[in-house]
Amino acid sequence: MPARDFEDDLLEKCVAVARGERESATSQIEANVFEVAGSILRSKLPITAEKLIAAAESYFVNCPDQRLKVVEVVRKQWIYELSRFRNRLMRLLNERGVSK
């Protein structure tokens, strides 16, 4: 899958969690990306951040050894650049009516 499509897919999954359309991560990649997304949204969208972190935690409860530091998530290119990812996610959330 091309990098742009990969990132778009993860952003859509973050939006689905934020909207309550899904409640958990299904892979190490999703769990780590949800956790990073929750962390970078915490100050602007605390309720959305809590949902993303809870979705990540639902995965890590059974696979605690798969939790990575942010730098590793970026190094593995699951998120290519944090500020770009944050901006794209914020824009998508705004477009989809997520404001908390």
N, C-alpha and C. Protein backbone atom coordinates (compact mmCIF):
# COMPACT_ATOMS: atom_id res chain seq x y z
N MET A 1 0.85 -1.18 0.00
CA MET A 1 0.00 0.00 0.00
C MET A 1 0.89 1.24 0.00
N PRO A 2 0.63 2.17 -0.89
CA PRO A 2 1.43 3.41 -0.91
C PRO A 2 1.33 4.15 0.43
N ALA A 3 2.39 4.88 0.76
CA ALA A 3 2.47 5.57 2.05
C ALA A 3 1.28 6.49 2.30
N ARG A 4 0.88 7.22 1.31
CA ARG A 4 -0.24 8.16 1.48
C ARG A 4 -1.53 7.41 1.81
N ASP A 5 -1.77 6.30 1.11
CA ASP A 5 -2.96 5.49 1.38
C ASP A 5 -2.91 4.88 2.77
N PHE A 6 -1.73 4.45 3.18
CA PHE A 6 -1.53 3.87 4.51
C PHE A 6 -1.89 4.89 5.58
N GLU A 7 -1.38 6.11 5.44
CA GLU A 7 -1.68 7.17 6.40
C GLU A 7 -3.17 7.54 6.36
N ASP A 8 -3.74 7.64 5.18
CA ASP A 8 -5.17 7.96 5.06
C ASP A 8 -6.02 6.92 5.78
N ASP A 9 -5.66 5.65 5.63
CA ASP A 9 -6.39 4.57 6.29
C ASP A 9 -6.32 4.71 7.81
N LEU A 10 -5.14 5.01 8.33
CA LEU A 10 -5.00 5.18 9.78
C LEU A 10 -5.75 6.41 10.28
N LEU A 11 -5.73 7.48 9.52
CA LEU A 11 -6.49 8.68 9.89
C LEU A 11 -7.98 8.38 9.94
N GLU A 12 -8.49 7.64 8.97
CA GLU A 12 -9.91 7.27 8.96
C GLU A 12 -10.26 6.41 10.17
N LYS A 13 -9.35 5.53 10.55
CA LYS A 13 -9.59 4.70 11.74
C LYS A 13 -9.60 5.55 13.01
N CYS A 14 -8.74 6.55 13.07
CA CYS A 14 -8.75 7.48 14.21
C CYS A 14 -10.08 8.22 14.28
N VAL A 15 -10.57 8.66 13.14
CA VAL A 15 -11.86 9.37 13.09
C VAL A 15 -12.99 8.43 13.52
N ALA A 16 -12.94 7.19 13.09
CA ALA A 16 -13.98 6.22 13.48
C ALA A 16 -14.01 6.04 15.00
N VAL A 17 -12.85 5.98 15.62
CA VAL A 17 -12.79 5.88 17.08
C VAL A 17 -13.36 7.14 17.70
N ALA A 18 -12.96 8.29 17.20
CA ALA A 18 -13.43 9.57 17.74
C ALA A 18 -14.95 9.70 17.65
N ARG A 19 -15.54 9.16 16.62
CA ARG A 19 -16.99 9.24 16.42
C ARG A 19 -17.74 8.11 17.11
N GLY A 20 -17.01 7.22 17.77
CA GLY A 20 -17.66 6.11 18.48
C GLY A 20 -18.07 4.97 17.57
N GLU A 21 -17.54 4.93 16.36
CA GLU A 21 -17.88 3.89 15.40
C GLU A 21 -17.05 2.62 15.59
N ARG A 22 -15.97 2.75 16.33
CA ARG A 22 -15.17 1.58 16.72
C ARG A 22 -14.55 1.89 18.06
N GLU A 23 -14.26 0.85 18.84
CA GLU A 23 -13.82 1.05 20.21
C GLU A 23 -12.45 0.49 20.52
N SER A 24 -11.88 -0.24 19.58
CA SER A 24 -10.59 -0.84 19.90
C SER A 24 -9.69 -0.94 18.68
N ALA A 25 -8.42 -1.03 18.98
CA ALA A 25 -7.42 -1.26 17.95
C ALA A 25 -7.37 -2.76 17.67
N THR A 26 -7.03 -3.11 16.45
CA THR A 26 -6.96 -4.53 16.09
C THR A 26 -5.55 -4.98 15.73
N SER A 27 -4.59 -4.06 15.84
CA SER A 27 -3.21 -4.41 15.51
C SER A 27 -2.25 -3.52 16.30
N GLN A 28 -1.01 -3.92 16.31
CA GLN A 28 0.02 -3.11 16.96
C GLN A 28 0.11 -1.73 16.32
N ILE A 29 0.03 -1.68 15.02
CA ILE A 29 0.12 -0.39 14.33
C ILE A 29 -1.02 0.51 14.76
N GLU A 30 -2.25 0.02 14.68
CA GLU A 30 -3.40 0.84 15.08
C GLU A 30 -3.27 1.30 16.53
N ALA A 31 -2.92 0.40 17.42
CA ALA A 31 -2.83 0.75 18.85
C ALA A 31 -1.82 1.85 19.09
N ASN A 32 -0.67 1.74 18.49
CA ASN A 32 0.36 2.76 18.69
C ASN A 32 -0.02 4.08 18.05
N VAL A 33 -0.62 4.04 16.89
CA VAL A 33 -1.05 5.27 16.22
C VAL A 33 -2.18 5.93 17.01
N PHE A 34 -3.14 5.14 17.51
CA PHE A 34 -4.21 5.72 18.33
C PHE A 34 -3.64 6.38 19.58
N GLU A 35 -2.67 5.73 20.19
CA GLU A 35 -2.08 6.30 21.41
C GLU A 35 -1.37 7.62 21.10
N VAL A 36 -0.61 7.66 20.03
CA VAL A 36 0.07 8.90 19.65
C VAL A 36 -0.97 9.97 19.29
N ALA A 37 -1.98 9.60 18.53
CA ALA A 37 -3.02 10.57 18.15
C ALA A 37 -3.70 11.12 19.40
N GLY A 38 -4.01 10.26 20.35
CA GLY A 38 -4.62 10.72 21.60
C GLY A 38 -3.73 11.68 22.34
N SER A 39 -2.45 11.38 22.36
CA SER A 39 -1.50 12.25 23.06
C SER A 39 -1.41 13.63 22.41
N ILE A 40 -1.39 13.67 21.09
CA ILE A 40 -1.23 14.98 20.43
C ILE A 40 -2.53 15.78 20.39
N LEU A 41 -3.67 15.13 20.66
CA LEU A 41 -4.95 15.84 20.68
C LEU A 41 -5.41 16.21 22.09
N ARG A 42 -4.71 15.72 23.09
CA ARG A 42 -5.17 15.83 24.48
C ARG A 42 -5.56 17.25 24.88
N SER A 43 -4.78 18.25 24.52
CA SER A 43 -5.07 19.61 24.97
C SER A 43 -6.20 20.28 24.19
N LYS A 44 -6.40 19.89 22.94
CA LYS A 44 -7.43 20.54 22.10
C LYS A 44 -8.75 19.79 22.08
N LEU A 45 -8.68 18.47 22.11
CA LEU A 45 -9.89 17.63 22.05
C LEU A 45 -9.79 16.53 23.10
N PRO A 46 -9.97 16.86 24.37
CA PRO A 46 -9.74 15.88 25.43
C PRO A 46 -10.64 14.65 25.38
N ILE A 47 -11.88 14.79 24.98
CA ILE A 47 -12.77 13.63 24.92
C ILE A 47 -12.35 12.70 23.79
N THR A 48 -12.03 13.27 22.65
CA THR A 48 -11.52 12.48 21.52
C THR A 48 -10.22 11.78 21.90
N ALA A 49 -9.35 12.50 22.58
CA ALA A 49 -8.08 11.93 23.01
C ALA A 49 -8.32 10.73 23.93
N GLU A 50 -9.25 10.86 24.86
CA GLU A 50 -9.57 9.75 25.77
C GLU A 50 -10.06 8.53 25.00
N LYS A 51 -10.90 8.74 23.99
CA LYS A 51 -11.40 7.62 23.18
C LYS A 51 -10.27 6.91 22.45
N LEU A 52 -9.37 7.69 21.87
CA LEU A 52 -8.24 7.10 21.13
C LEU A 52 -7.32 6.33 22.07
N ILE A 53 -7.03 6.90 23.21
CA ILE A 53 -6.15 6.24 24.17
C ILE A 53 -6.82 4.97 24.71
N ALA A 54 -8.12 5.02 24.97
CA ALA A 54 -8.84 3.83 25.43
C ALA A 54 -8.83 2.73 24.36
N ALA A 55 -8.98 3.12 23.10
CA ALA A 55 -8.94 2.13 22.01
C ALA A 55 -7.57 1.48 21.93
N ALA A 56 -6.53 2.26 22.13
CA ALA A 56 -5.17 1.71 22.14
C ALA A 56 -4.99 0.79 23.33
N GLU A 57 -5.45 1.23 24.48
CA GLU A 57 -5.28 0.45 25.71
C GLU A 57 -5.99 -0.89 25.62
N SER A 58 -7.12 -0.94 24.92
CA SER A 58 -7.85 -2.21 24.78
C SER A 58 -6.99 -3.26 24.06
N TYR A 59 -6.10 -2.81 23.23
CA TYR A 59 -5.17 -3.72 22.55
C TYR A 59 -3.98 -4.04 23.45
N PHE A 60 -3.41 -3.01 24.06
CA PHE A 60 -2.20 -3.19 24.87
C PHE A 60 -2.43 -4.02 26.13
N VAL A 61 -3.67 -4.10 26.58
CA VAL A 61 -3.97 -4.91 27.76
C VAL A 61 -3.56 -6.37 27.53
N ASN A 62 -3.72 -6.83 26.30
CA ASN A 62 -3.36 -8.21 25.96
C ASN A 62 -1.98 -8.33 25.33
N CYS A 63 -1.41 -7.23 24.87
CA CYS A 63 -0.11 -7.25 24.19
C CYS A 63 0.75 -6.09 24.69
N PRO A 64 1.06 -6.04 25.98
CA PRO A 64 1.78 -4.87 26.52
C PRO A 64 3.16 -4.67 25.92
N ASP A 65 3.77 -5.73 25.46
CA ASP A 65 5.12 -5.64 24.89
C ASP A 65 5.12 -4.98 23.50
N GLN A 66 3.94 -4.72 22.94
CA GLN A 66 3.87 -4.11 21.60
C GLN A 66 3.72 -2.59 21.64
N ARG A 67 3.66 -2.02 22.84
CA ARG A 67 3.58 -0.56 22.98
C ARG A 67 4.96 0.02 22.67
N LEU A 68 4.98 1.06 21.83
CA LEU A 68 6.24 1.69 21.43
C LEU A 68 6.24 3.16 21.82
N LYS A 69 7.43 3.70 21.93
CA LYS A 69 7.58 5.14 22.14
C LYS A 69 7.26 5.86 20.83
N VAL A 70 6.88 7.11 20.95
CA VAL A 70 6.52 7.90 19.76
C VAL A 70 7.63 7.87 18.72
N VAL A 71 8.86 8.01 19.16
CA VAL A 71 9.98 8.03 18.23
C VAL A 71 10.05 6.74 17.40
N GLU A 72 9.67 5.61 18.00
CA GLU A 72 9.67 4.34 17.27
C GLU A 72 8.52 4.29 16.26
N VAL A 73 7.38 4.83 16.65
CA VAL A 73 6.23 4.87 15.73
C VAL A 73 6.60 5.68 14.49
N VAL A 74 7.29 6.78 14.68
CA VAL A 74 7.73 7.61 13.56
C VAL A 74 8.84 6.91 12.78
N ARG A 75 9.78 6.30 13.49
CA ARG A 75 10.88 5.60 12.82
C ARG A 75 10.36 4.48 11.92
N LYS A 76 9.32 3.79 12.38
CA LYS A 76 8.73 2.72 11.58
C LYS A 76 7.84 3.27 10.45
N GLN A 77 7.67 4.58 10.43
CA GLN A 77 6.89 5.29 9.42
C GLN A 77 5.41 4.93 9.45
N TRP A 78 4.91 4.62 10.65
CA TRP A 78 3.47 4.46 10.81
C TRP A 78 2.83 5.84 10.85
N ILE A 79 3.58 6.81 11.37
CA ILE A 79 3.26 8.23 11.28
C ILE A 79 4.52 8.86 10.69
N TYR A 80 4.36 9.58 9.61
CA TYR A 80 5.55 10.08 8.91
C TYR A 80 6.08 11.37 9.50
N GLU A 81 5.20 12.23 9.95
CA GLU A 81 5.63 13.51 10.52
C GLU A 81 4.51 13.96 11.45
N LEU A 82 4.83 14.16 12.73
CA LEU A 82 3.82 14.39 13.75
C LEU A 82 2.94 15.61 13.49
N SER A 83 3.54 16.73 13.16
CA SER A 83 2.71 17.93 12.98
C SER A 83 1.79 17.80 11.77
N ARG A 84 2.28 17.19 10.72
CA ARG A 84 1.44 16.96 9.53
C ARG A 84 0.29 16.02 9.87
N PHE A 85 0.60 14.94 10.59
CA PHE A 85 -0.42 13.99 11.01
C PHE A 85 -1.47 14.69 11.87
N ARG A 86 -1.03 15.48 12.85
CA ARG A 86 -1.95 16.21 13.73
C ARG A 86 -2.84 17.14 12.92
N ASN A 87 -2.25 17.89 12.00
CA ASN A 87 -3.03 18.83 11.20
C ASN A 87 -4.07 18.12 10.33
N ARG A 88 -3.67 17.04 9.71
CA ARG A 88 -4.61 16.28 8.87
C ARG A 88 -5.72 15.68 9.72
N LEU A 89 -5.36 15.15 10.89
CA LEU A 89 -6.35 14.56 11.77
C LEU A 89 -7.33 15.62 12.28
N MET A 90 -6.82 16.76 12.70
CA MET A 90 -7.68 17.84 13.18
C MET A 90 -8.64 18.29 12.07
N ARG A 91 -8.15 18.40 10.86
CA ARG A 91 -8.99 18.82 9.74
C ARG A 91 -10.10 17.79 9.49
N LEU A 92 -9.74 16.51 9.48
CA LEU A 92 -10.74 15.46 9.26
C LEU A 92 -11.78 15.45 10.38
N LEU A 93 -11.32 15.57 11.62
CA LEU A 93 -12.25 15.57 12.75
C LEU A 93 -13.21 16.75 12.65
N ASN A 94 -12.69 17.89 12.29
CA ASN A 94 -13.53 19.08 12.12
C ASN A 94 -14.56 18.87 11.00
N GLU A 95 -14.11 18.32 9.88
CA GLU A 95 -15.01 18.07 8.75
C GLU A 95 -16.12 17.08 9.12
N ARG A 96 -15.82 16.15 10.03
CA ARG A 96 -16.78 15.11 10.43
C ARG A 96 -17.57 15.49 11.68
N GLY A 97 -17.39 16.72 12.15
CA GLY A 97 -18.19 17.21 13.27
C GLY A 97 -17.73 16.80 14.65
N VAL A 98 -16.48 16.37 14.77
CA VAL A 98 -15.95 16.01 16.09
C VAL A 98 -15.30 17.26 16.67
N SER A 99 -15.82 17.72 17.82
CA SER A 99 -15.33 18.98 18.36
C SER A 99 -14.97 18.94 19.84
N LYS A 100 -14.94 17.75 20.43
CA LYS A 100 -14.62 17.67 21.86
C LYS A 100 -13.53 16.67 22.13
